[in-house]
Amino acid sequence: MGIFSRRGAAADGPHEPFELVVDTVFVVPTRGHVFTGTVTSGRVRVGQRAVLHLPAGEHAVTVSRIDVRRRKADVAEAGEEAGVYLGGLARGALPVVAGGDGSLLDAEAVAGSRLVAAP
């Protein structure tokens, strides 16, 4: 990078709070719940506190991992599709449907939910 580079503030990325609109949710054994969707504004980082807005209520969570283009990432920015692993989600917080050997996550009920930056 040269002395006349303009990277300064732009390198920090969007300054607006992030929002991710959920397409689906699934469980990865040993890693937890993964919410996939598109980051519609801002930027989300690993370790960031967030609020998951589900039809049944809000849940305070922490972003524990991010995958972008099927690769581990530290950040996902507006316009990117991402898989976001969440920590701190209480057992029973997600809607379920009857399954063959118990219950399965109801991904359809979660679709369209929002994950936003914690205030």
PDB file of N, CA and C in Angstrom:
ATOM      1  N   MET A   1       0.850  -1.168   0.000  1.00  0.00           N
ATOM      2  CA  MET A   1       0.000   0.000   0.000  1.00  0.00           C
ATOM      3  C   MET A   1       0.893   1.228   0.000  1.00  0.00           C
ATOM      4  N   GLY A   2       0.613   2.147  -0.928  1.00  0.00           N
ATOM      5  CA  GLY A   2       1.416   3.360  -1.062  1.00  0.00           C
ATOM      6  C   GLY A   2       0.984   4.449  -0.102  1.00  0.00           C
ATOM      7  N   ILE A   3       1.740   5.532  -0.099  1.00  0.00           N
ATOM      8  CA  ILE A   3       1.427   6.617   0.827  1.00  0.00           C
ATOM      9  C   ILE A   3       0.183   7.386   0.425  1.00  0.00           C
ATOM     10  N   PHE A   4      -0.266   7.253  -0.839  1.00  0.00           N
ATOM     11  CA  PHE A   4      -1.443   7.975  -1.301  1.00  0.00           C
ATOM     12  C   PHE A   4      -2.686   7.095  -1.340  1.00  0.00           C
ATOM     13  N   SER A   5      -2.627   5.955  -0.692  1.00  0.00           N
ATOM     14  CA  SER A   5      -3.762   5.029  -0.679  1.00  0.00           C
ATOM     15  C   SER A   5      -4.937   5.626   0.083  1.00  0.00           C
ATOM     16  N   ARG A   6      -6.164   5.238  -0.309  1.00  0.00           N
ATOM     17  CA  ARG A   6      -7.377   5.748   0.337  1.00  0.00           C
ATOM     18  C   ARG A   6      -8.054   4.695   1.198  1.00  0.00           C
ATOM     19  N   ARG A   7      -7.368   3.724   1.698  1.00  0.00           N
ATOM     20  CA  ARG A   7      -8.002   2.621   2.412  1.00  0.00           C
ATOM     21  C   ARG A   7      -8.507   3.008   3.787  1.00  0.00           C
ATOM     22  N   GLY A   8      -7.914   3.865   4.523  1.00  0.00           N
ATOM     23  CA  GLY A   8      -8.281   4.291   5.869  1.00  0.00           C
ATOM     24  C   GLY A   8      -9.636   3.870   6.392  1.00  0.00           C
ATOM     25  N   ALA A   9     -10.633   4.759   6.359  1.00  0.00           N
ATOM     26  CA  ALA A   9     -11.962   4.492   6.908  1.00  0.00           C
ATOM     27  C   ALA A   9     -12.713   3.445   6.107  1.00  0.00           C
ATOM     28  N   ALA A  10     -12.478   3.370   4.823  1.00  0.00           N
ATOM     29  CA  ALA A  10     -13.189   2.391   4.005  1.00  0.00           C
ATOM     30  C   ALA A  10     -12.835   0.973   4.404  1.00  0.00           C
ATOM     31  N   ALA A  11     -11.645   0.749   4.935  1.00  0.00           N
ATOM     32  CA  ALA A  11     -11.243  -0.594   5.342  1.00  0.00           C
ATOM     33  C   ALA A  11     -12.075  -1.088   6.521  1.00  0.00           C
ATOM     34  N   ASP A  12     -12.661  -0.166   7.270  1.00  0.00           N
ATOM     35  CA  ASP A  12     -13.497  -0.562   8.401  1.00  0.00           C
ATOM     36  C   ASP A  12     -14.838  -1.103   7.948  1.00  0.00           C
ATOM     37  N   GLY A  13     -15.234  -0.822   6.717  1.00  0.00           N
ATOM     38  CA  GLY A  13     -16.485  -1.346   6.168  1.00  0.00           C
ATOM     39  C   GLY A  13     -17.678  -0.542   6.609  1.00  0.00           C
ATOM     40  N   PRO A  14     -18.857  -1.088   6.348  1.00  0.00           N
ATOM     41  CA  PRO A  14     -20.086  -0.376   6.680  1.00  0.00           C
ATOM     42  C   PRO A  14     -20.187  -0.094   8.177  1.00  0.00           C
ATOM     43  N   HIS A  15     -20.690   1.080   8.505  1.00  0.00           N
ATOM     44  CA  HIS A  15     -20.822   1.452   9.913  1.00  0.00           C
ATOM     45  C   HIS A  15     -22.246   1.290  10.417  1.00  0.00           C
ATOM     46  N   GLU A  16     -23.137   0.849   9.572  1.00  0.00           N
ATOM     47  CA  GLU A  16     -24.509   0.639  10.012  1.00  0.00           C
ATOM     48  C   GLU A  16     -24.611  -0.717  10.713  1.00  0.00           C
ATOM     49  N   PRO A  17     -25.589  -0.882  11.605  1.00  0.00           N
ATOM     50  CA  PRO A  17     -25.751  -2.166  12.302  1.00  0.00           C
ATOM     51  C   PRO A  17     -26.058  -3.274  11.292  1.00  0.00           C
ATOM     52  N   PHE A  18     -25.559  -4.465  11.586  1.00  0.00           N
ATOM     53  CA  PHE A  18     -25.790  -5.545  10.645  1.00  0.00           C
ATOM     54  C   PHE A  18     -27.181  -6.142  10.808  1.00  0.00           C
ATOM     55  N   GLU A  19     -27.642  -6.727   9.720  1.00  0.00           N
ATOM     56  CA  GLU A  19     -28.887  -7.491   9.720  1.00  0.00           C
ATOM     57  C   GLU A  19     -28.708  -8.639   8.738  1.00  0.00           C
ATOM     58  N   LEU A  20     -29.100  -9.830   9.147  1.00  0.00           N
ATOM     59  CA  LEU A  20     -29.098 -10.996   8.280  1.00  0.00           C
ATOM     60  C   LEU A  20     -30.512 -11.544   8.249  1.00  0.00           C
ATOM     61  N   VAL A  21     -31.046 -11.757   7.042  1.00  0.00           N
ATOM     62  CA  VAL A  21     -32.369 -12.350   6.894  1.00  0.00           C
ATOM     63  C   VAL A  21     -32.160 -13.848   6.694  1.00  0.00           C
ATOM     64  N   VAL A  22     -32.765 -14.643   7.563  1.00  0.00           N
ATOM     65  CA  VAL A  22     -32.550 -16.093   7.593  1.00  0.00           C
ATOM     66  C   VAL A  22     -33.323 -16.783   6.469  1.00  0.00           C
ATOM     67  N   ASP A  23     -32.604 -17.642   5.734  1.00  0.00           N
ATOM     68  CA  ASP A  23     -33.237 -18.504   4.728  1.00  0.00           C
ATOM     69  C   ASP A  23     -33.618 -19.847   5.352  1.00  0.00           C
ATOM     70  N   THR A  24     -32.678 -20.426   6.093  1.00  0.00           N
ATOM     71  CA  THR A  24     -32.925 -21.723   6.716  1.00  0.00           C
ATOM     72  C   THR A  24     -32.025 -21.906   7.928  1.00  0.00           C
ATOM     73  N   VAL A  25     -32.290 -22.959   8.683  1.00  0.00           N
ATOM     74  CA  VAL A  25     -31.484 -23.306   9.851  1.00  0.00           C
ATOM     75  C   VAL A  25     -31.301 -24.814   9.861  1.00  0.00           C
ATOM     76  N   PHE A  26     -30.137 -25.245  10.304  1.00  0.00           N
ATOM     77  CA  PHE A  26     -29.882 -26.673  10.462  1.00  0.00           C
ATOM     78  C   PHE A  26     -28.835 -26.843  11.546  1.00  0.00           C
ATOM     79  N   VAL A  27     -28.595 -28.090  11.930  1.00  0.00           N
ATOM     80  CA  VAL A  27     -27.635 -28.381  12.989  1.00  0.00           C
ATOM     81  C   VAL A  27     -26.434 -29.102  12.396  1.00  0.00           C
ATOM     82  N   VAL A  28     -25.239 -28.645  12.749  1.00  0.00           N
ATOM     83  CA  VAL A  28     -24.008 -29.333  12.397  1.00  0.00           C
ATOM     84  C   VAL A  28     -23.528 -30.001  13.686  1.00  0.00           C
ATOM     85  N   PRO A  29     -23.446 -31.329  13.696  1.00  0.00           N
ATOM     86  CA  PRO A  29     -23.005 -32.021  14.914  1.00  0.00           C
ATOM     87  C   PRO A  29     -21.672 -31.458  15.408  1.00  0.00           C
ATOM     88  N   THR A  30     -21.554 -31.287  16.682  1.00  0.00           N
ATOM     89  CA  THR A  30     -20.404 -30.753  17.422  1.00  0.00           C
ATOM     90  C   THR A  30     -20.183 -29.258  17.237  1.00  0.00           C
ATOM     91  N   ARG A  31     -20.923 -28.606  16.325  1.00  0.00           N
ATOM     92  CA  ARG A  31     -20.760 -27.160  16.136  1.00  0.00           C
ATOM     93  C   ARG A  31     -21.992 -26.376  16.540  1.00  0.00           C
ATOM     94  N   GLY A  32     -23.168 -26.935  16.326  1.00  0.00           N
ATOM     95  CA  GLY A  32     -24.377 -26.246  16.744  1.00  0.00           C
ATOM     96  C   GLY A  32     -25.271 -25.806  15.604  1.00  0.00           C
ATOM     97  N   HIS A  33     -26.129 -24.852  15.922  1.00  0.00           N
ATOM     98  CA  HIS A  33     -27.118 -24.343  14.969  1.00  0.00           C
ATOM     99  C   HIS A  33     -26.469 -23.383  13.982  1.00  0.00           C
ATOM    100  N   VAL A  34     -26.805 -23.568  12.703  1.00  0.00           N
ATOM    101  CA  VAL A  34     -26.297 -22.702  11.643  1.00  0.00           C
ATOM    102  C   VAL A  34     -27.488 -22.025  10.987  1.00  0.00           C
ATOM    103  N   PHE A  35     -27.456 -20.719  10.939  1.00  0.00           N
ATOM    104  CA  PHE A  35     -28.493 -19.935  10.281  1.00  0.00           C
ATOM    105  C   PHE A  35     -27.887 -19.397   8.996  1.00  0.00           C
ATOM    106  N   THR A  36     -28.480 -19.766   7.864  1.00  0.00           N
ATOM    107  CA  THR A  36     -27.962 -19.287   6.590  1.00  0.00           C
ATOM    108  C   THR A  36     -28.881 -18.205   6.050  1.00  0.00           C
ATOM    109  N   GLY A  37     -28.289 -17.274   5.344  1.00  0.00           N
ATOM    110  CA  GLY A  37     -29.068 -16.199   4.763  1.00  0.00           C
ATOM    111  C   GLY A  37     -28.168 -15.136   4.185  1.00  0.00           C
ATOM    112  N   THR A  38     -28.758 -14.000   3.870  1.00  0.00           N
ATOM    113  CA  THR A  38     -28.040 -12.894   3.252  1.00  0.00           C
ATOM    114  C   THR A  38     -27.896 -11.749   4.247  1.00  0.00           C
ATOM    115  N   VAL A  39     -26.693 -11.229   4.351  1.00  0.00           N
ATOM    116  CA  VAL A  39     -26.459 -10.039   5.165  1.00  0.00           C
ATOM    117  C   VAL A  39     -27.001  -8.862   4.364  1.00  0.00           C
ATOM    118  N   THR A  40     -28.065  -8.247   4.873  1.00  0.00           N
ATOM    119  CA  THR A  40     -28.716  -7.170   4.126  1.00  0.00           C
ATOM    120  C   THR A  40     -28.159  -5.787   4.443  1.00  0.00           C
ATOM    121  N   SER A  41     -27.484  -5.653   5.589  1.00  0.00           N
ATOM    122  CA  SER A  41     -26.849  -4.374   5.907  1.00  0.00           C
ATOM    123  C   SER A  41     -25.732  -4.593   6.913  1.00  0.00           C
ATOM    124  N   GLY A  42     -24.769  -3.696   6.887  1.00  0.00           N
ATOM    125  CA  GLY A  42     -23.682  -3.726   7.850  1.00  0.00           C
ATOM    126  C   GLY A  42     -22.717  -4.880   7.659  1.00  0.00           C
ATOM    127  N   ARG A  43     -22.103  -5.268   8.762  1.00  0.00           N
ATOM    128  CA  ARG A  43     -21.093  -6.319   8.773  1.00  0.00           C
ATOM    129  C   ARG A  43     -21.210  -7.068  10.091  1.00  0.00           C
ATOM    130  N   VAL A  44     -21.109  -8.383  10.043  1.00  0.00           N
ATOM    131  CA  VAL A  44     -21.171  -9.213  11.243  1.00  0.00           C
ATOM    132  C   VAL A  44     -19.813  -9.866  11.446  1.00  0.00           C
ATOM    133  N   ARG A  45     -19.367  -9.902  12.705  1.00  0.00           N
ATOM    134  CA  ARG A  45     -18.056 -10.450  13.054  1.00  0.00           C
ATOM    135  C   ARG A  45     -18.199 -11.594  14.054  1.00  0.00           C
ATOM    136  N   VAL A  46     -17.249 -12.495  14.027  1.00  0.00           N
ATOM    137  CA  VAL A  46     -17.187 -13.558  15.024  1.00  0.00           C
ATOM    138  C   VAL A  46     -17.012 -12.913  16.396  1.00  0.00           C
ATOM    139  N   GLY A  47     -17.769 -13.402  17.375  1.00  0.00           N
ATOM    140  CA  GLY A  47     -17.707 -12.872  18.734  1.00  0.00           C
ATOM    141  C   GLY A  47     -18.701 -11.758  19.002  1.00  0.00           C
ATOM    142  N   GLN A  48     -19.368 -11.289  17.979  1.00  0.00           N
ATOM    143  CA  GLN A  48     -20.318 -10.180  18.117  1.00  0.00           C
ATOM    144  C   GLN A  48     -21.610 -10.655  18.785  1.00  0.00           C
ATOM    145  N   ARG A  49     -22.143  -9.817  19.651  1.00  0.00           N
ATOM    146  CA  ARG A  49     -23.442 -10.099  20.262  1.00  0.00           C
ATOM    147  C   ARG A  49     -24.537  -9.698  19.287  1.00  0.00           C
ATOM    148  N   ALA A  50     -25.629 -10.476  19.303  1.00  0.00           N
ATOM    149  CA  ALA A  50     -26.718 -10.218  18.365  1.00  0.00           C
ATOM    150  C   ALA A  50     -28.043 -10.609  19.000  1.00  0.00           C
ATOM    151  N   VAL A  51     -29.115 -10.260  18.308  1.00  0.00           N
ATOM    152  CA  VAL A  51     -30.461 -10.635  18.732  1.00  0.00           C
ATOM    153  C   VAL A  51     -31.117 -11.367  17.567  1.00  0.00           C
ATOM    154  N   LEU A  52     -31.612 -12.567  17.843  1.00  0.00           N
ATOM    155  CA  LEU A  52     -32.316 -13.360  16.847  1.00  0.00           C
ATOM    156  C   LEU A  52     -33.802 -13.146  17.055  1.00  0.00           C
ATOM    157  N   HIS A  53     -34.462 -12.578  16.043  1.00  0.00           N
ATOM    158  CA  HIS A  53     -35.893 -12.302  16.099  1.00  0.00           C
ATOM    159  C   HIS A  53     -36.639 -13.460  15.443  1.00  0.00           C
ATOM    160  N   LEU A  54     -37.222 -14.329  16.261  1.00  0.00           N
ATOM    161  CA  LEU A  54     -38.008 -15.467  15.781  1.00  0.00           C
ATOM    162  C   LEU A  54     -39.487 -15.156  15.951  1.00  0.00           C
ATOM    163  N   PRO A  55     -40.359 -15.909  15.276  1.00  0.00           N
ATOM    164  CA  PRO A  55     -41.802 -15.674  15.434  1.00  0.00           C
ATOM    165  C   PRO A  55     -42.264 -15.744  16.893  1.00  0.00           C
ATOM    166  N   ALA A  56     -41.626 -16.594  17.695  1.00  0.00           N
ATOM    167  CA  ALA A  56     -42.043 -16.761  19.082  1.00  0.00           C
ATOM    168  C   ALA A  56     -41.367 -15.792  20.054  1.00  0.00           C
ATOM    169  N   GLY A  57     -40.447 -14.965  19.564  1.00  0.00           N
ATOM    170  CA  GLY A  57     -39.789 -14.014  20.460  1.00  0.00           C
ATOM    171  C   GLY A  57     -38.346 -13.753  20.084  1.00  0.00           C
ATOM    172  N   GLU A  58     -37.690 -12.924  20.897  1.00  0.00           N
ATOM    173  CA  GLU A  58     -36.305 -12.527  20.672  1.00  0.00           C
ATOM    174  C   GLU A  58     -35.374 -13.327  21.568  1.00  0.00           C
ATOM    175  N   HIS A  59     -34.165 -13.599  21.055  1.00  0.00           N
ATOM    176  CA  HIS A  59     -33.174 -14.358  21.815  1.00  0.00           C
ATOM    177  C   HIS A  59     -31.809 -13.694  21.674  1.00  0.00           C
ATOM    178  N   ALA A  60     -31.170 -13.396  22.793  1.00  0.00           N
ATOM    179  CA  ALA A  60     -29.819 -12.847  22.786  1.00  0.00           C
ATOM    180  C   ALA A  60     -28.844 -13.979  22.486  1.00  0.00           C
ATOM    181  N   VAL A  61     -27.961 -13.772  21.504  1.00  0.00           N
ATOM    182  CA  VAL A  61     -27.013 -14.796  21.076  1.00  0.00           C
ATOM    183  C   VAL A  61     -25.651 -14.160  20.820  1.00  0.00           C
ATOM    184  N   THR A  62     -24.665 -15.022  20.579  1.00  0.00           N
ATOM    185  CA  THR A  62     -23.334 -14.578  20.199  1.00  0.00           C
ATOM    186  C   THR A  62     -22.927 -15.315  18.932  1.00  0.00           C
ATOM    187  N   VAL A  63     -22.348 -14.600  17.978  1.00  0.00           N
ATOM    188  CA  VAL A  63     -21.882 -15.213  16.739  1.00  0.00           C
ATOM    189  C   VAL A  63     -20.597 -15.967  17.054  1.00  0.00           C
ATOM    190  N   SER A  64     -20.631 -17.298  16.918  1.00  0.00           N
ATOM    191  CA  SER A  64     -19.462 -18.100  17.271  1.00  0.00           C
ATOM    192  C   SER A  64     -18.621 -18.498  16.066  1.00  0.00           C
ATOM    193  N   ARG A  65     -19.215 -18.475  14.870  1.00  0.00           N
ATOM    194  CA  ARG A  65     -18.473 -18.812  13.651  1.00  0.00           C
ATOM    195  C   ARG A  65     -19.252 -18.280  12.458  1.00  0.00           C
ATOM    196  N   ILE A  66     -18.517 -17.955  11.397  1.00  0.00           N
ATOM    197  CA  ILE A  66     -19.127 -17.494  10.147  1.00  0.00           C
ATOM    198  C   ILE A  66     -18.500 -18.267   8.999  1.00  0.00           C
ATOM    199  N   ASP A  67     -19.327 -18.726   8.081  1.00  0.00           N
ATOM    200  CA  ASP A  67     -18.850 -19.328   6.841  1.00  0.00           C
ATOM    201  C   ASP A  67     -19.380 -18.491   5.678  1.00  0.00           C
ATOM    202  N   VAL A  68     -18.489 -18.118   4.783  1.00  0.00           N
ATOM    203  CA  VAL A  68     -18.857 -17.397   3.562  1.00  0.00           C
ATOM    204  C   VAL A  68     -18.276 -18.190   2.404  1.00  0.00           C
ATOM    205  N   ARG A  69     -19.115 -18.504   1.433  1.00  0.00           N
ATOM    206  CA  ARG A  69     -18.716 -19.326   0.287  1.00  0.00           C
ATOM    207  C   ARG A  69     -18.110 -20.652   0.749  1.00  0.00           C
ATOM    208  N   ARG A  70     -18.735 -21.239   1.763  1.00  0.00           N
ATOM    209  CA  ARG A  70     -18.340 -22.546   2.316  1.00  0.00           C
ATOM    210  C   ARG A  70     -16.946 -22.557   2.926  1.00  0.00           C
ATOM    211  N   ARG A  71     -16.459 -21.392   3.323  1.00  0.00           N
ATOM    212  CA  ARG A  71     -15.159 -21.294   3.987  1.00  0.00           C
ATOM    213  C   ARG A  71     -15.299 -20.462   5.248  1.00  0.00           C
ATOM    214  N   LYS A  72     -14.531 -20.829   6.247  1.00  0.00           N
ATOM    215  CA  LYS A  72     -14.538 -20.098   7.506  1.00  0.00           C
ATOM    216  C   LYS A  72     -14.083 -18.660   7.258  1.00  0.00           C
ATOM    217  N   ALA A  73     -14.801 -17.712   7.885  1.00  0.00           N
ATOM    218  CA  ALA A  73     -14.471 -16.297   7.729  1.00  0.00           C
ATOM    219  C   ALA A  73     -14.601 -15.602   9.082  1.00  0.00           C
ATOM    220  N   ASP A  74     -13.938 -14.482   9.232  1.00  0.00           N
ATOM    221  CA  ASP A  74     -14.055 -13.682  10.448  1.00  0.00           C
ATOM    222  C   ASP A  74     -15.181 -12.667  10.344  1.00  0.00           C
ATOM    223  N   VAL A  75     -15.560 -12.335   9.086  1.00  0.00           N
ATOM    224  CA  VAL A  75     -16.528 -11.272   8.833  1.00  0.00           C
ATOM    225  C   VAL A  75     -17.401 -11.652   7.639  1.00  0.00           C
ATOM    226  N   ALA A  76     -18.671 -11.233   7.685  1.00  0.00           N
ATOM    227  CA  ALA A  76     -19.543 -11.288   6.510  1.00  0.00           C
ATOM    228  C   ALA A  76     -20.142  -9.891   6.346  1.00  0.00           C
ATOM    229  N   GLU A  77     -20.143  -9.392   5.129  1.00  0.00           N
ATOM    230  CA  GLU A  77     -20.593  -8.027   4.871  1.00  0.00           C
ATOM    231  C   GLU A  77     -21.879  -7.996   4.065  1.00  0.00           C
ATOM    232  N   ALA A  78     -22.496  -6.822   4.035  1.00  0.00           N
ATOM    233  CA  ALA A  78     -23.743  -6.620   3.289  1.00  0.00           C
ATOM    234  C   ALA A  78     -23.616  -7.164   1.877  1.00  0.00           C
ATOM    235  N   GLY A  79     -24.632  -7.908   1.450  1.00  0.00           N
ATOM    236  CA  GLY A  79     -24.662  -8.489   0.123  1.00  0.00           C
ATOM    237  C   GLY A  79     -24.151  -9.914   0.060  1.00  0.00           C
ATOM    238  N   GLU A  80     -23.456 -10.368   1.094  1.00  0.00           N
ATOM    239  CA  GLU A  80     -22.915 -11.726   1.086  1.00  0.00           C
ATOM    240  C   GLU A  80     -23.895 -12.718   1.692  1.00  0.00           C
ATOM    241  N   GLU A  81     -23.905 -13.913   1.117  1.00  0.00           N
ATOM    242  CA  GLU A  81     -24.641 -15.013   1.725  1.00  0.00           C
ATOM    243  C   GLU A  81     -23.695 -15.675   2.704  1.00  0.00           C
ATOM    244  N   ALA A  82     -24.216 -15.996   3.895  1.00  0.00           N
ATOM    245  CA  ALA A  82     -23.352 -16.524   4.943  1.00  0.00           C
ATOM    246  C   ALA A  82     -24.080 -17.571   5.776  1.00  0.00           C
ATOM    247  N   GLY A  83     -23.295 -18.421   6.386  1.00  0.00           N
ATOM    248  CA  GLY A  83     -23.788 -19.337   7.402  1.00  0.00           C
ATOM    249  C   GLY A  83     -23.250 -18.833   8.726  1.00  0.00           C
ATOM    250  N   VAL A  84     -24.138 -18.556   9.662  1.00  0.00           N
ATOM    251  CA  VAL A  84     -23.740 -17.981  10.940  1.00  0.00           C
ATOM    252  C   VAL A  84     -24.090 -18.964  12.051  1.00  0.00           C
ATOM    253  N   TYR A  85     -23.062 -19.385  12.785  1.00  0.00           N
ATOM    254  CA  TYR A  85     -23.252 -20.280  13.922  1.00  0.00           C
ATOM    255  C   TYR A  85     -23.497 -19.412  15.150  1.00  0.00           C
ATOM    256  N   LEU A  86     -24.524 -19.761  15.920  1.00  0.00           N
ATOM    257  CA  LEU A  86     -24.884 -18.949  17.078  1.00  0.00           C
ATOM    258  C   LEU A  86     -24.708 -19.718  18.372  1.00  0.00           C
ATOM    259  N   GLY A  87     -24.108 -19.055  19.349  1.00  0.00           N
ATOM    260  CA  GLY A  87     -23.992 -19.594  20.694  1.00  0.00           C
ATOM    261  C   GLY A  87     -24.971 -18.883  21.598  1.00  0.00           C
ATOM    262  N   GLY A  88     -25.376 -19.566  22.664  1.00  0.00           N
ATOM    263  CA  GLY A  88     -26.261 -18.948  23.640  1.00  0.00           C
ATOM    264  C   GLY A  88     -27.733 -19.114  23.353  1.00  0.00           C
ATOM    265  N   LEU A  89     -28.061 -19.886  22.340  1.00  0.00           N
ATOM    266  CA  LEU A  89     -29.459 -20.128  22.014  1.00  0.00           C
ATOM    267  C   LEU A  89     -29.994 -21.203  22.958  1.00  0.00           C
ATOM    268  N   ALA A  90     -31.025 -20.866  23.697  1.00  0.00           N
ATOM    269  CA  ALA A  90     -31.575 -21.783  24.699  1.00  0.00           C
ATOM    270  C   ALA A  90     -32.195 -23.010  24.043  1.00  0.00           C
ATOM    271  N   ARG A  91     -32.077 -24.129  24.706  1.00  0.00           N
ATOM    272  CA  ARG A  91     -32.704 -25.361  24.225  1.00  0.00           C
ATOM    273  C   ARG A  91     -34.210 -25.135  24.162  1.00  0.00           C
ATOM    274  N   GLY A  92     -34.808 -25.532  23.068  1.00  0.00           N
ATOM    275  CA  GLY A  92     -36.238 -25.351  22.899  1.00  0.00           C
ATOM    276  C   GLY A  92     -36.632 -23.991  22.340  1.00  0.00           C
ATOM    277  N   ALA A  93     -35.650 -23.139  22.019  1.00  0.00           N
ATOM    278  CA  ALA A  93     -35.965 -21.806  21.495  1.00  0.00           C
ATOM    279  C   ALA A  93     -36.456 -21.860  20.052  1.00  0.00           C
ATOM    280  N   LEU A  94     -36.020 -22.864  19.315  1.00  0.00           N
ATOM    281  CA  LEU A  94     -36.397 -22.961  17.902  1.00  0.00           C
ATOM    282  C   LEU A  94     -37.628 -23.833  17.731  1.00  0.00           C
ATOM    283  N   PRO A  95     -38.497 -23.489  16.785  1.00  0.00           N
ATOM    284  CA  PRO A  95     -39.697 -24.295  16.557  1.00  0.00           C
ATOM    285  C   PRO A  95     -39.333 -25.663  15.971  1.00  0.00           C
ATOM    286  N   VAL A  96     -40.103 -26.673  16.337  1.00  0.00           N
ATOM    287  CA  VAL A  96     -39.861 -28.031  15.856  1.00  0.00           C
ATOM    288  C   VAL A  96     -41.140 -28.616  15.268  1.00  0.00           C
ATOM    289  N   VAL A  97     -40.966 -29.649  14.454  1.00  0.00           N
ATOM    290  CA  VAL A  97     -42.077 -30.414  13.906  1.00  0.00           C
ATOM    291  C   VAL A  97     -41.810 -31.877  14.232  1.00  0.00           C
ATOM    292  N   ALA A  98     -42.879 -32.673  14.265  1.00  0.00           N
ATOM    293  CA  ALA A  98     -42.727 -34.091  14.565  1.00  0.00           C
ATOM    294  C   ALA A  98     -41.852 -34.751  13.509  1.00  0.00           C
ATOM    295  N   GLY A  99     -40.923 -35.586  13.967  1.00  0.00           N
ATOM    296  CA  GLY A  99     -40.024 -36.297  13.067  1.00  0.00           C
ATOM    297  C   GLY A  99     -40.089 -37.785  13.320  1.00  0.00           C
ATOM    298  N   GLY A 100     -39.378 -38.548  12.516  1.00  0.00           N
ATOM    299  CA  GLY A 100     -39.393 -40.000  12.617  1.00  0.00           C
ATOM    300  C   GLY A 100     -38.966 -40.520  13.972  1.00  0.00           C
ATOM    301  N   ASP A 101     -37.936 -39.936  14.562  1.00  0.00           N
ATOM    302  CA  ASP A 101     -37.443 -40.434  15.846  1.00  0.00           C
ATOM    303  C   ASP A 101     -37.470 -39.355  16.925  1.00  0.00           C
ATOM    304  N   GLY A 102     -38.380 -38.453  16.818  1.00  0.00           N
ATOM    305  CA  GLY A 102     -38.469 -37.369  17.798  1.00  0.00           C
ATOM    306  C   GLY A 102     -38.993 -36.124  17.139  1.00  0.00           C
ATOM    307  N   SER A 103     -38.178 -35.069  17.156  1.00  0.00           N
ATOM    308  CA  SER A 103     -38.608 -33.820  16.525  1.00  0.00           C
ATOM    309  C   SER A 103     -37.479 -33.257  15.674  1.00  0.00           C
ATOM    310  N   LEU A 104     -37.853 -32.497  14.671  1.00  0.00           N
ATOM    311  CA  LEU A 104     -36.913 -31.869  13.752  1.00  0.00           C
ATOM    312  C   LEU A 104     -37.119 -30.365  13.776  1.00  0.00           C
ATOM    313  N   LEU A 105     -36.054 -29.619  13.503  1.00  0.00           N
ATOM    314  CA  LEU A 105     -36.193 -28.169  13.423  1.00  0.00           C
ATOM    315  C   LEU A 105     -37.171 -27.807  12.315  1.00  0.00           C
ATOM    316  N   ASP A 106     -38.009 -26.838  12.573  1.00  0.00           N
ATOM    317  CA  ASP A 106     -38.967 -26.361  11.576  1.00  0.00           C
ATOM    318  C   ASP A 106     -38.330 -25.192  10.830  1.00  0.00           C
ATOM    319  N   ALA A 107     -37.557 -25.522   9.785  1.00  0.00           N
ATOM    320  CA  ALA A 107     -36.824 -24.507   9.032  1.00  0.00           C
ATOM    321  C   ALA A 107     -37.767 -23.525   8.352  1.00  0.00           C
ATOM    322  N   GLU A 108     -38.943 -23.993   7.948  1.00  0.00           N
ATOM    323  CA  GLU A 108     -39.904 -23.102   7.288  1.00  0.00           C
ATOM    324  C   GLU A 108     -40.394 -22.010   8.227  1.00  0.00           C
ATOM    325  N   ALA A 109     -40.567 -22.350   9.508  1.00  0.00           N
ATOM    326  CA  ALA A 109     -41.035 -21.359  10.482  1.00  0.00           C
ATOM    327  C   ALA A 109     -39.965 -20.309  10.780  1.00  0.00           C
ATOM    328  N   VAL A 110     -38.703 -20.675  10.591  1.00  0.00           N
ATOM    329  CA  VAL A 110     -37.596 -19.762  10.879  1.00  0.00           C
ATOM    330  C   VAL A 110     -37.273 -18.872   9.681  1.00  0.00           C
ATOM    331  N   ALA A 111     -37.598 -19.327   8.475  1.00  0.00           N
ATOM    332  CA  ALA A 111     -37.303 -18.562   7.260  1.00  0.00           C
ATOM    333  C   ALA A 111     -37.920 -17.161   7.355  1.00  0.00           C
ATOM    334  N   GLY A 112     -37.124 -16.176   7.008  1.00  0.00           N
ATOM    335  CA  GLY A 112     -37.571 -14.788   7.062  1.00  0.00           C
ATOM    336  C   GLY A 112     -37.302 -14.108   8.390  1.00  0.00           C
ATOM    337  N   SER A 113     -36.870 -14.871   9.392  1.00  0.00           N
ATOM    338  CA  SER A 113     -36.489 -14.272  10.677  1.00  0.00           C
ATOM    339  C   SER A 113     -35.268 -13.402  10.473  1.00  0.00           C
ATOM    340  N   ARG A 114     -35.007 -12.525  11.437  1.00  0.00           N
ATOM    341  CA  ARG A 114     -33.890 -11.610  11.315  1.00  0.00           C
ATOM    342  C   ARG A 114     -32.911 -11.807  12.455  1.00  0.00           C
ATOM    343  N   LEU A 115     -31.627 -11.713  12.119  1.00  0.00           N
ATOM    344  CA  LEU A 115     -30.556 -11.672  13.093  1.00  0.00           C
ATOM    345  C   LEU A 115     -29.959 -10.283  12.981  1.00  0.00           C
ATOM    346  N   VAL A 116     -29.975  -9.533  14.090  1.00  0.00           N
ATOM    347  CA  VAL A 116     -29.514  -8.149  14.058  1.00  0.00           C
ATOM    348  C   VAL A 116     -28.488  -7.892  15.161  1.00  0.00           C
ATOM    349  N   ALA A 117     -27.714  -6.842  14.990  1.00  0.00           N
ATOM    350  CA  ALA A 117     -26.731  -6.454  15.991  1.00  0.00           C
ATOM    351  C   ALA A 117     -27.413  -6.141  17.309  1.00  0.00           C
ATOM    352  N   ALA A 118     -26.824  -6.570  18.397  1.00  0.00           N
ATOM    353  CA  ALA A 118     -27.367  -6.258  19.725  1.00  0.00           C
ATOM    354  C   ALA A 118     -27.202  -4.768  19.983  1.00  0.00           C
ATOM    355  N   PRO A 119     -28.179  -4.179  20.670  1.00  0.00           N
ATOM    356  CA  PRO A 119     -28.081  -2.737  20.957  1.00  0.00           C
ATOM    357  C   PRO A 119     -26.945  -2.425  21.917  1.00  0.00           C
TER     358      PRO A 119
END
